[in-house]
Amino acid sequence: MFHRELIISLAARHRLPAVYYRRVFVADGGLISYGADITDQYRRAAGYVDRILKGEKPADLPVQAPTKYELVINLKTAKALGLQPPEKLLALANEVIE
């Protein structure tokens, strides 16, 4: 997430609709993000910590891929870019920032 503000401002200056991987980009003015739900990732990691503390070897635990994703849309940014996201996309979003 280095240079997040710079990336967002460059996309806005050049009127580029950009998709990010974390919600924080959209909260800071980015257009849209779609990525793994970080809170869910931490919650699932706690289960691994529990298993390790109970004696399981970390090397024996399976690798887990994210299972929960979130879609966040910033309507203010969309309007500034002259875009109107489809209603169906807005309905699917986990969060719409106005």
PDB file of N, CA and C in Angstrom:
ATOM      1  N   MET A   1       0.809  -1.170   0.000  1.00  0.00           N
ATOM      2  CA  MET A   1       0.000   0.000   0.000  1.00  0.00           C
ATOM      3  C   MET A   1       0.868   1.256   0.000  1.00  0.00           C
ATOM      4  N   PHE A   2       2.095   1.078  -0.420  1.00  0.00           N
ATOM      5  CA  PHE A   2       2.981   2.223  -0.545  1.00  0.00           C
ATOM      6  C   PHE A   2       2.467   3.160  -1.622  1.00  0.00           C
ATOM      7  N   HIS A   3       2.588   4.445  -1.375  1.00  0.00           N
ATOM      8  CA  HIS A   3       2.221   5.477  -2.353  1.00  0.00           C
ATOM      9  C   HIS A   3       0.742   5.443  -2.722  1.00  0.00           C
ATOM     10  N   ARG A   4      -0.098   4.983  -1.801  1.00  0.00           N
ATOM     11  CA  ARG A   4      -1.530   4.869  -2.061  1.00  0.00           C
ATOM     12  C   ARG A   4      -2.127   6.206  -2.506  1.00  0.00           C
ATOM     13  N   GLU A   5      -1.848   7.257  -1.766  1.00  0.00           N
ATOM     14  CA  GLU A   5      -2.418   8.567  -2.088  1.00  0.00           C
ATOM     15  C   GLU A   5      -1.946   9.056  -3.457  1.00  0.00           C
ATOM     16  N   LEU A   6      -0.685   8.813  -3.775  1.00  0.00           N
ATOM     17  CA  LEU A   6      -0.144   9.213  -5.078  1.00  0.00           C
ATOM     18  C   LEU A   6      -0.838   8.455  -6.208  1.00  0.00           C
ATOM     19  N   ILE A   7      -1.020   7.170  -6.028  1.00  0.00           N
ATOM     20  CA  ILE A   7      -1.665   6.344  -7.055  1.00  0.00           C
ATOM     21  C   ILE A   7      -3.100   6.817  -7.290  1.00  0.00           C
ATOM     22  N   ILE A   8      -3.828   7.074  -6.208  1.00  0.00           N
ATOM     23  CA  ILE A   8      -5.217   7.518  -6.325  1.00  0.00           C
ATOM     24  C   ILE A   8      -5.274   8.884  -7.005  1.00  0.00           C
ATOM     25  N   SER A   9      -4.389   9.797  -6.613  1.00  0.00           N
ATOM     26  CA  SER A   9      -4.423  11.143  -7.210  1.00  0.00           C
ATOM     27  C   SER A   9      -4.022  11.125  -8.681  1.00  0.00           C
ATOM     28  N   LEU A  10      -3.076  10.280  -9.060  1.00  0.00           N
ATOM     29  CA  LEU A  10      -2.689  10.178 -10.476  1.00  0.00           C
ATOM     30  C   LEU A  10      -3.833   9.612 -11.318  1.00  0.00           C
ATOM     31  N   ALA A  11      -4.523   8.613 -10.784  1.00  0.00           N
ATOM     32  CA  ALA A  11      -5.670   8.047 -11.511  1.00  0.00           C
ATOM     33  C   ALA A  11      -6.749   9.110 -11.688  1.00  0.00           C
ATOM     34  N   ALA A  12      -6.989   9.918 -10.655  1.00  0.00           N
ATOM     35  CA  ALA A  12      -8.008  10.971 -10.738  1.00  0.00           C
ATOM     36  C   ALA A  12      -7.581  12.065 -11.717  1.00  0.00           C
ATOM     37  N   ARG A  13      -6.329  12.474 -11.645  1.00  0.00           N
ATOM     38  CA  ARG A  13      -5.842  13.544 -12.518  1.00  0.00           C
ATOM     39  C   ARG A  13      -5.955  13.157 -13.993  1.00  0.00           C
ATOM     40  N   HIS A  14      -5.674  11.904 -14.293  1.00  0.00           N
ATOM     41  CA  HIS A  14      -5.721  11.427 -15.683  1.00  0.00           C
ATOM     42  C   HIS A  14      -7.070  10.805 -16.036  1.00  0.00           C
ATOM     43  N   ARG A  15      -8.028  10.935 -15.102  1.00  0.00           N
ATOM     44  CA  ARG A  15      -9.387  10.445 -15.305  1.00  0.00           C
ATOM     45  C   ARG A  15      -9.420   8.965 -15.708  1.00  0.00           C
ATOM     46  N   LEU A  16      -8.644   8.179 -14.975  1.00  0.00           N
ATOM     47  CA  LEU A  16      -8.571   6.739 -15.230  1.00  0.00           C
ATOM     48  C   LEU A  16      -9.420   5.985 -14.207  1.00  0.00           C
ATOM     49  N   PRO A  17     -10.388   5.224 -14.657  1.00  0.00           N
ATOM     50  CA  PRO A  17     -11.136   4.392 -13.716  1.00  0.00           C
ATOM     51  C   PRO A  17     -10.255   3.221 -13.279  1.00  0.00           C
ATOM     52  N   ALA A  18      -9.932   3.189 -12.007  1.00  0.00           N
ATOM     53  CA  ALA A  18      -9.001   2.168 -11.508  1.00  0.00           C
ATOM     54  C   ALA A  18      -9.691   1.248 -10.506  1.00  0.00           C
ATOM     55  N   VAL A  19      -9.301  -0.009 -10.534  1.00  0.00           N
ATOM     56  CA  VAL A  19      -9.803  -1.004  -9.595  1.00  0.00           C
ATOM     57  C   VAL A  19      -8.657  -1.375  -8.672  1.00  0.00           C
ATOM     58  N   TYR A  20      -8.936  -1.355  -7.373  1.00  0.00           N
ATOM     59  CA  TYR A  20      -7.923  -1.628  -6.363  1.00  0.00           C
ATOM     60  C   TYR A  20      -8.228  -2.939  -5.650  1.00  0.00           C
ATOM     61  N   TYR A  21      -7.281  -3.391  -4.853  1.00  0.00           N
ATOM     62  CA  TYR A  21      -7.430  -4.683  -4.195  1.00  0.00           C
ATOM     63  C   TYR A  21      -7.844  -4.577  -2.730  1.00  0.00           C
ATOM     64  N   ARG A  22      -7.893  -3.350  -2.181  1.00  0.00           N
ATOM     65  CA  ARG A  22      -8.253  -3.166  -0.778  1.00  0.00           C
ATOM     66  C   ARG A  22      -9.253  -2.024  -0.633  1.00  0.00           C
ATOM     67  N   ARG A  23     -10.135  -2.152   0.329  1.00  0.00           N
ATOM     68  CA  ARG A  23     -11.162  -1.165   0.601  1.00  0.00           C
ATOM     69  C   ARG A  23     -10.578   0.210   0.908  1.00  0.00           C
ATOM     70  N   VAL A  24      -9.448   0.269   1.578  1.00  0.00           N
ATOM     71  CA  VAL A  24      -8.856   1.540   1.999  1.00  0.00           C
ATOM     72  C   VAL A  24      -8.590   2.472   0.811  1.00  0.00           C
ATOM     73  N   PHE A  25      -8.286   1.920  -0.352  1.00  0.00           N
ATOM     74  CA  PHE A  25      -8.074   2.750  -1.545  1.00  0.00           C
ATOM     75  C   PHE A  25      -9.356   3.490  -1.920  1.00  0.00           C
ATOM     76  N   VAL A  26     -10.478   2.813  -1.827  1.00  0.00           N
ATOM     77  CA  VAL A  26     -11.760   3.415  -2.179  1.00  0.00           C
ATOM     78  C   VAL A  26     -12.169   4.433  -1.106  1.00  0.00           C
ATOM     79  N   ALA A  27     -11.925   4.136   0.133  1.00  0.00           N
ATOM     80  CA  ALA A  27     -12.225   5.078   1.213  1.00  0.00           C
ATOM     81  C   ALA A  27     -11.419   6.363   1.052  1.00  0.00           C
ATOM     82  N   ASP A  28     -10.243   6.266   0.456  1.00  0.00           N
ATOM     83  CA  ASP A  28      -9.379   7.429   0.235  1.00  0.00           C
ATOM     84  C   ASP A  28      -9.632   8.113  -1.105  1.00  0.00           C
ATOM     85  N   GLY A  29     -10.646   7.663  -1.858  1.00  0.00           N
ATOM     86  CA  GLY A  29     -11.008   8.346  -3.096  1.00  0.00           C
ATOM     87  C   GLY A  29     -10.888   7.527  -4.362  1.00  0.00           C
ATOM     88  N   GLY A  30     -10.492   6.274  -4.270  1.00  0.00           N
ATOM     89  CA  GLY A  30     -10.432   5.413  -5.446  1.00  0.00           C
ATOM     90  C   GLY A  30     -11.830   5.036  -5.913  1.00  0.00           C
ATOM     91  N   LEU A  31     -11.930   4.502  -7.094  1.00  0.00           N
ATOM     92  CA  LEU A  31     -13.243   4.191  -7.679  1.00  0.00           C
ATOM     93  C   LEU A  31     -13.864   2.912  -7.123  1.00  0.00           C
ATOM     94  N   ILE A  32     -13.141   1.802  -7.217  1.00  0.00           N
ATOM     95  CA  ILE A  32     -13.733   0.505  -6.868  1.00  0.00           C
ATOM     96  C   ILE A  32     -12.632  -0.427  -6.365  1.00  0.00           C
ATOM     97  N   SER A  33     -13.009  -1.294  -5.433  1.00  0.00           N
ATOM     98  CA  SER A  33     -12.068  -2.314  -4.979  1.00  0.00           C
ATOM     99  C   SER A  33     -12.781  -3.656  -4.929  1.00  0.00           C
ATOM    100  N   TYR A  34     -12.020  -4.686  -5.218  1.00  0.00           N
ATOM    101  CA  TYR A  34     -12.515  -6.044  -5.108  1.00  0.00           C
ATOM    102  C   TYR A  34     -11.356  -6.892  -4.620  1.00  0.00           C
ATOM    103  N   GLY A  35     -11.493  -7.440  -3.431  1.00  0.00           N
ATOM    104  CA  GLY A  35     -10.405  -8.234  -2.885  1.00  0.00           C
ATOM    105  C   GLY A  35     -10.852  -9.012  -1.670  1.00  0.00           C
ATOM    106  N   ALA A  36      -9.916  -9.774  -1.145  1.00  0.00           N
ATOM    107  CA  ALA A  36     -10.199 -10.609   0.016  1.00  0.00           C
ATOM    108  C   ALA A  36     -10.597  -9.749   1.204  1.00  0.00           C
ATOM    109  N   ASP A  37     -11.557 -10.233   1.974  1.00  0.00           N
ATOM    110  CA  ASP A  37     -11.998  -9.565   3.194  1.00  0.00           C
ATOM    111  C   ASP A  37     -10.910  -9.781   4.249  1.00  0.00           C
ATOM    112  N   ILE A  38     -10.217  -8.703   4.618  1.00  0.00           N
ATOM    113  CA  ILE A  38      -9.079  -8.798   5.531  1.00  0.00           C
ATOM    114  C   ILE A  38      -9.522  -9.247   6.924  1.00  0.00           C
ATOM    115  N   THR A  39     -10.666  -8.779   7.387  1.00  0.00           N
ATOM    116  CA  THR A  39     -11.163  -9.189   8.697  1.00  0.00           C
ATOM    117  C   THR A  39     -11.378 -10.696   8.745  1.00  0.00           C
ATOM    118  N   ASP A  40     -11.940 -11.239   7.687  1.00  0.00           N
ATOM    119  CA  ASP A  40     -12.149 -12.687   7.617  1.00  0.00           C
ATOM    120  C   ASP A  40     -10.812 -13.427   7.600  1.00  0.00           C
ATOM    121  N   GLN A  41      -9.824 -12.867   6.912  1.00  0.00           N
ATOM    122  CA  GLN A  41      -8.493 -13.482   6.863  1.00  0.00           C
ATOM    123  C   GLN A  41      -7.895 -13.585   8.270  1.00  0.00           C
ATOM    124  N   TYR A  42      -7.991 -12.502   9.040  1.00  0.00           N
ATOM    125  CA  TYR A  42      -7.461 -12.508  10.411  1.00  0.00           C
ATOM    126  C   TYR A  42      -8.204 -13.509  11.275  1.00  0.00           C
ATOM    127  N   ARG A  43      -9.511 -13.570  11.113  1.00  0.00           N
ATOM    128  CA  ARG A  43     -10.327 -14.509  11.897  1.00  0.00           C
ATOM    129  C   ARG A  43      -9.896 -15.945  11.606  1.00  0.00           C
ATOM    130  N   ARG A  44      -9.670 -16.237  10.337  1.00  0.00           N
ATOM    131  CA  ARG A  44      -9.266 -17.600   9.963  1.00  0.00           C
ATOM    132  C   ARG A  44      -7.844 -17.896  10.416  1.00  0.00           C
ATOM    133  N   ALA A  45      -6.992 -16.886  10.447  1.00  0.00           N
ATOM    134  CA  ALA A  45      -5.615 -17.074  10.912  1.00  0.00           C
ATOM    135  C   ALA A  45      -5.589 -17.471  12.386  1.00  0.00           C
ATOM    136  N   ALA A  46      -6.552 -16.955  13.152  1.00  0.00           N
ATOM    137  CA  ALA A  46      -6.619 -17.295  14.572  1.00  0.00           C
ATOM    138  C   ALA A  46      -6.802 -18.802  14.760  1.00  0.00           C
ATOM    139  N   GLY A  47      -7.542 -19.430  13.859  1.00  0.00           N
ATOM    140  CA  GLY A  47      -7.711 -20.887  13.930  1.00  0.00           C
ATOM    141  C   GLY A  47      -6.399 -21.620  13.734  1.00  0.00           C
ATOM    142  N   TYR A  48      -5.560 -21.088  12.862  1.00  0.00           N
ATOM    143  CA  TYR A  48      -4.247 -21.689  12.644  1.00  0.00           C
ATOM    144  C   TYR A  48      -3.362 -21.523  13.872  1.00  0.00           C
ATOM    145  N   VAL A  49      -3.410 -20.355  14.469  1.00  0.00           N
ATOM    146  CA  VAL A  49      -2.624 -20.109  15.684  1.00  0.00           C
ATOM    147  C   VAL A  49      -3.047 -21.097  16.757  1.00  0.00           C
ATOM    148  N   ASP A  50      -4.333 -21.302  16.899  1.00  0.00           N
ATOM    149  CA  ASP A  50      -4.852 -22.254  17.883  1.00  0.00           C
ATOM    150  C   ASP A  50      -4.310 -23.656  17.625  1.00  0.00           C
ATOM    151  N   ARG A  51      -4.331 -24.064  16.384  1.00  0.00           N
ATOM    152  CA  ARG A  51      -3.843 -25.416  16.040  1.00  0.00           C
ATOM    153  C   ARG A  51      -2.353 -25.561  16.316  1.00  0.00           C
ATOM    154  N   ILE A  52      -1.591 -24.516  16.032  1.00  0.00           N
ATOM    155  CA  ILE A  52      -0.148 -24.557  16.267  1.00  0.00           C
ATOM    156  C   ILE A  52       0.138 -24.603  17.768  1.00  0.00           C
ATOM    157  N   LEU A  53      -0.592 -23.797  18.532  1.00  0.00           N
ATOM    158  CA  LEU A  53      -0.395 -23.791  19.985  1.00  0.00           C
ATOM    159  C   LEU A  53      -0.781 -25.122  20.621  1.00  0.00           C
ATOM    160  N   LYS A  54      -1.640 -25.878  19.946  1.00  0.00           N
ATOM    161  CA  LYS A  54      -2.031 -27.204  20.442  1.00  0.00           C
ATOM    162  C   LYS A  54      -1.077 -28.293  19.968  1.00  0.00           C
ATOM    163  N   GLY A  55      -0.008 -27.902  19.245  1.00  0.00           N
ATOM    164  CA  GLY A  55       1.024 -28.864  18.902  1.00  0.00           C
ATOM    165  C   GLY A  55       1.164 -29.245  17.445  1.00  0.00           C
ATOM    166  N   GLU A  56       0.270 -28.816  16.569  1.00  0.00           N
ATOM    167  CA  GLU A  56       0.419 -29.156  15.155  1.00  0.00           C
ATOM    168  C   GLU A  56       1.602 -28.405  14.565  1.00  0.00           C
ATOM    169  N   LYS A  57       2.271 -29.041  13.639  1.00  0.00           N
ATOM    170  CA  LYS A  57       3.407 -28.407  12.968  1.00  0.00           C
ATOM    171  C   LYS A  57       2.884 -27.492  11.857  1.00  0.00           C
ATOM    172  N   PRO A  58       3.377 -26.261  11.800  1.00  0.00           N
ATOM    173  CA  PRO A  58       2.935 -25.340  10.752  1.00  0.00           C
ATOM    174  C   PRO A  58       3.100 -25.920   9.349  1.00  0.00           C
ATOM    175  N   ALA A  59       4.157 -26.676   9.114  1.00  0.00           N
ATOM    176  CA  ALA A  59       4.404 -27.254   7.790  1.00  0.00           C
ATOM    177  C   ALA A  59       3.352 -28.288   7.413  1.00  0.00           C
ATOM    178  N   ASP A  60       2.654 -28.839   8.399  1.00  0.00           N
ATOM    179  CA  ASP A  60       1.632 -29.842   8.123  1.00  0.00           C
ATOM    180  C   ASP A  60       0.248 -29.237   7.856  1.00  0.00           C
ATOM    181  N   LEU A  61       0.097 -27.935   8.078  1.00  0.00           N
ATOM    182  CA  LEU A  61      -1.198 -27.285   7.868  1.00  0.00           C
ATOM    183  C   LEU A  61      -1.360 -26.922   6.393  1.00  0.00           C
ATOM    184  N   PRO A  62      -2.546 -27.106   5.856  1.00  0.00           N
ATOM    185  CA  PRO A  62      -2.766 -26.785   4.437  1.00  0.00           C
ATOM    186  C   PRO A  62      -2.777 -25.268   4.209  1.00  0.00           C
ATOM    187  N   VAL A  63      -2.392 -24.875   3.028  1.00  0.00           N
ATOM    188  CA  VAL A  63      -2.470 -23.476   2.638  1.00  0.00           C
ATOM    189  C   VAL A  63      -3.935 -23.156   2.361  1.00  0.00           C
ATOM    190  N   GLN A  64      -4.390 -22.039   2.869  1.00  0.00           N
ATOM    191  CA  GLN A  64      -5.789 -21.661   2.659  1.00  0.00           C
ATOM    192  C   GLN A  64      -5.862 -20.428   1.764  1.00  0.00           C
ATOM    193  N   ALA A  65      -6.740 -20.482   0.795  1.00  0.00           N
ATOM    194  CA  ALA A  65      -7.017 -19.332  -0.057  1.00  0.00           C
ATOM    195  C   ALA A  65      -8.183 -18.563   0.558  1.00  0.00           C
ATOM    196  N   PRO A  66      -8.283 -17.273   0.275  1.00  0.00           N
ATOM    197  CA  PRO A  66      -9.421 -16.511   0.782  1.00  0.00           C
ATOM    198  C   PRO A  66     -10.746 -17.124   0.310  1.00  0.00           C
ATOM    199  N   THR A  67     -11.745 -17.046   1.170  1.00  0.00           N
ATOM    200  CA  THR A  67     -13.062 -17.571   0.811  1.00  0.00           C
ATOM    201  C   THR A  67     -14.122 -16.479   0.795  1.00  0.00           C
ATOM    202  N   LYS A  68     -13.784 -15.321   1.349  1.00  0.00           N
ATOM    203  CA  LYS A  68     -14.736 -14.220   1.404  1.00  0.00           C
ATOM    204  C   LYS A  68     -14.102 -12.985   0.766  1.00  0.00           C
ATOM    205  N   TYR A  69     -14.813 -12.413  -0.185  1.00  0.00           N
ATOM    206  CA  TYR A  69     -14.320 -11.235  -0.901  1.00  0.00           C
ATOM    207  C   TYR A  69     -15.297 -10.089  -0.705  1.00  0.00           C
ATOM    208  N   GLU A  70     -14.800  -8.860  -0.874  1.00  0.00           N
ATOM    209  CA  GLU A  70     -15.688  -7.713  -0.741  1.00  0.00           C
ATOM    210  C   GLU A  70     -15.526  -6.760  -1.919  1.00  0.00           C
ATOM    211  N   LEU A  71     -16.658  -6.193  -2.317  1.00  0.00           N
ATOM    212  CA  LEU A  71     -16.724  -5.229  -3.413  1.00  0.00           C
ATOM    213  C   LEU A  71     -17.157  -3.893  -2.823  1.00  0.00           C
ATOM    214  N   VAL A  72     -16.341  -2.849  -3.051  1.00  0.00           N
ATOM    215  CA  VAL A  72     -16.633  -1.519  -2.524  1.00  0.00           C
ATOM    216  C   VAL A  72     -16.576  -0.530  -3.684  1.00  0.00           C
ATOM    217  N   ILE A  73     -17.572   0.360  -3.759  1.00  0.00           N
ATOM    218  CA  ILE A  73     -17.669   1.336  -4.847  1.00  0.00           C
ATOM    219  C   ILE A  73     -17.801   2.730  -4.256  1.00  0.00           C
ATOM    220  N   ASN A  74     -17.069   3.692  -4.821  1.00  0.00           N
ATOM    221  CA  ASN A  74     -17.143   5.080  -4.402  1.00  0.00           C
ATOM    222  C   ASN A  74     -17.929   5.861  -5.454  1.00  0.00           C
ATOM    223  N   LEU A  75     -19.174   6.237  -5.125  1.00  0.00           N
ATOM    224  CA  LEU A  75     -20.038   6.932  -6.084  1.00  0.00           C
ATOM    225  C   LEU A  75     -19.568   8.356  -6.377  1.00  0.00           C
ATOM    226  N   LYS A  76     -18.957   9.000  -5.404  1.00  0.00           N
ATOM    227  CA  LYS A  76     -18.445  10.363  -5.621  1.00  0.00           C
ATOM    228  C   LYS A  76     -17.348  10.347  -6.690  1.00  0.00           C
ATOM    229  N   THR A  77     -16.476   9.373  -6.612  1.00  0.00           N
ATOM    230  CA  THR A  77     -15.407   9.239  -7.606  1.00  0.00           C
ATOM    231  C   THR A  77     -15.984   8.868  -8.962  1.00  0.00           C
ATOM    232  N   ALA A  78     -16.975   7.978  -8.974  1.00  0.00           N
ATOM    233  CA  ALA A  78     -17.614   7.591 -10.238  1.00  0.00           C
ATOM    234  C   ALA A  78     -18.217   8.815 -10.912  1.00  0.00           C
ATOM    235  N   LYS A  79     -18.888   9.646 -10.148  1.00  0.00           N
ATOM    236  CA  LYS A  79     -19.510  10.855 -10.699  1.00  0.00           C
ATOM    237  C   LYS A  79     -18.437  11.800 -11.252  1.00  0.00           C
ATOM    238  N   ALA A  80     -17.318  11.956 -10.529  1.00  0.00           N
ATOM    239  CA  ALA A  80     -16.229  12.825 -10.988  1.00  0.00           C
ATOM    240  C   ALA A  80     -15.636  12.329 -12.305  1.00  0.00           C
ATOM    241  N   LEU A  81     -15.686  11.019 -12.531  1.00  0.00           N
ATOM    242  CA  LEU A  81     -15.168  10.431 -13.772  1.00  0.00           C
ATOM    243  C   LEU A  81     -16.238  10.370 -14.860  1.00  0.00           C
ATOM    244  N   GLY A  82     -17.448  10.799 -14.537  1.00  0.00           N
ATOM    245  CA  GLY A  82     -18.535  10.752 -15.507  1.00  0.00           C
ATOM    246  C   GLY A  82     -19.090   9.357 -15.714  1.00  0.00           C
ATOM    247  N   LEU A  83     -19.010   8.528 -14.686  1.00  0.00           N
ATOM    248  CA  LEU A  83     -19.477   7.141 -14.777  1.00  0.00           C
ATOM    249  C   LEU A  83     -20.709   6.936 -13.914  1.00  0.00           C
ATOM    250  N   GLN A  84     -21.592   6.072 -14.346  1.00  0.00           N
ATOM    251  CA  GLN A  84     -22.745   5.668 -13.556  1.00  0.00           C
ATOM    252  C   GLN A  84     -22.716   4.146 -13.467  1.00  0.00           C
ATOM    253  N   PRO A  85     -22.263   3.605 -12.328  1.00  0.00           N
ATOM    254  CA  PRO A  85     -22.235   2.145 -12.194  1.00  0.00           C
ATOM    255  C   PRO A  85     -23.631   1.554 -12.353  1.00  0.00           C
ATOM    256  N   PRO A  86     -23.742   0.414 -13.012  1.00  0.00           N
ATOM    257  CA  PRO A  86     -25.051  -0.230 -13.174  1.00  0.00           C
ATOM    258  C   PRO A  86     -25.677  -0.554 -11.813  1.00  0.00           C
ATOM    259  N   GLU A  87     -26.994  -0.463 -11.747  1.00  0.00           N
ATOM    260  CA  GLU A  87     -27.712  -0.746 -10.501  1.00  0.00           C
ATOM    261  C   GLU A  87     -27.412  -2.155  -9.985  1.00  0.00           C
ATOM    262  N   LYS A  88     -27.278  -3.093 -10.894  1.00  0.00           N
ATOM    263  CA  LYS A  88     -27.002  -4.474 -10.477  1.00  0.00           C
ATOM    264  C   LYS A  88     -25.646  -4.557  -9.756  1.00  0.00           C
ATOM    265  N   LEU A  89     -24.652  -3.823 -10.264  1.00  0.00           N
ATOM    266  CA  LEU A  89     -23.337  -3.808  -9.618  1.00  0.00           C
ATOM    267  C   LEU A  89     -23.442  -3.167  -8.236  1.00  0.00           C
ATOM    268  N   LEU A  90     -24.182  -2.073  -8.134  1.00  0.00           N
ATOM    269  CA  LEU A  90     -24.367  -1.421  -6.837  1.00  0.00           C
ATOM    270  C   LEU A  90     -25.067  -2.335  -5.849  1.00  0.00           C
ATOM    271  N   ALA A  91     -26.025  -3.118  -6.343  1.00  0.00           N
ATOM    272  CA  ALA A  91     -26.752  -4.057  -5.478  1.00  0.00           C
ATOM    273  C   ALA A  91     -25.845  -5.186  -4.984  1.00  0.00           C
ATOM    274  N   LEU A  92     -24.862  -5.557  -5.786  1.00  0.00           N
ATOM    275  CA  LEU A  92     -23.939  -6.627  -5.410  1.00  0.00           C
ATOM    276  C   LEU A  92     -22.846  -6.156  -4.450  1.00  0.00           C
ATOM    277  N   ALA A  93     -22.617  -4.852  -4.399  1.00  0.00           N
ATOM    278  CA  ALA A  93     -21.521  -4.305  -3.595  1.00  0.00           C
ATOM    279  C   ALA A  93     -21.767  -4.542  -2.099  1.00  0.00           C
ATOM    280  N   ASN A  94     -20.693  -4.824  -1.392  1.00  0.00           N
ATOM    281  CA  ASN A  94     -20.761  -4.946   0.059  1.00  0.00           C
ATOM    282  C   ASN A  94     -20.905  -3.578   0.704  1.00  0.00           C
ATOM    283  N   GLU A  95     -20.331  -2.560   0.025  1.00  0.00           N
ATOM    284  CA  GLU A  95     -20.408  -1.198   0.544  1.00  0.00           C
ATOM    285  C   GLU A  95     -20.381  -0.221  -0.624  1.00  0.00           C
ATOM    286  N   VAL A  96     -21.220   0.809  -0.524  1.00  0.00           N
ATOM    287  CA  VAL A  96     -21.241   1.878  -1.502  1.00  0.00           C
ATOM    288  C   VAL A  96     -20.967   3.174  -0.739  1.00  0.00           C
ATOM    289  N   ILE A  97     -19.870   3.834  -1.073  1.00  0.00           N
ATOM    290  CA  ILE A  97     -19.492   5.087  -0.437  1.00  0.00           C
ATOM    291  C   ILE A  97     -20.062   6.228  -1.268  1.00  0.00           C
ATOM    292  N   GLU A  98     -20.821   7.115  -0.609  1.00  0.00           N
ATOM    293  CA  GLU A  98     -21.473   8.202  -1.349  1.00  0.00           C
ATOM    294  C   GLU A  98     -20.804   9.527  -1.132  1.00  0.00           C
TER     295      GLU A  98
END
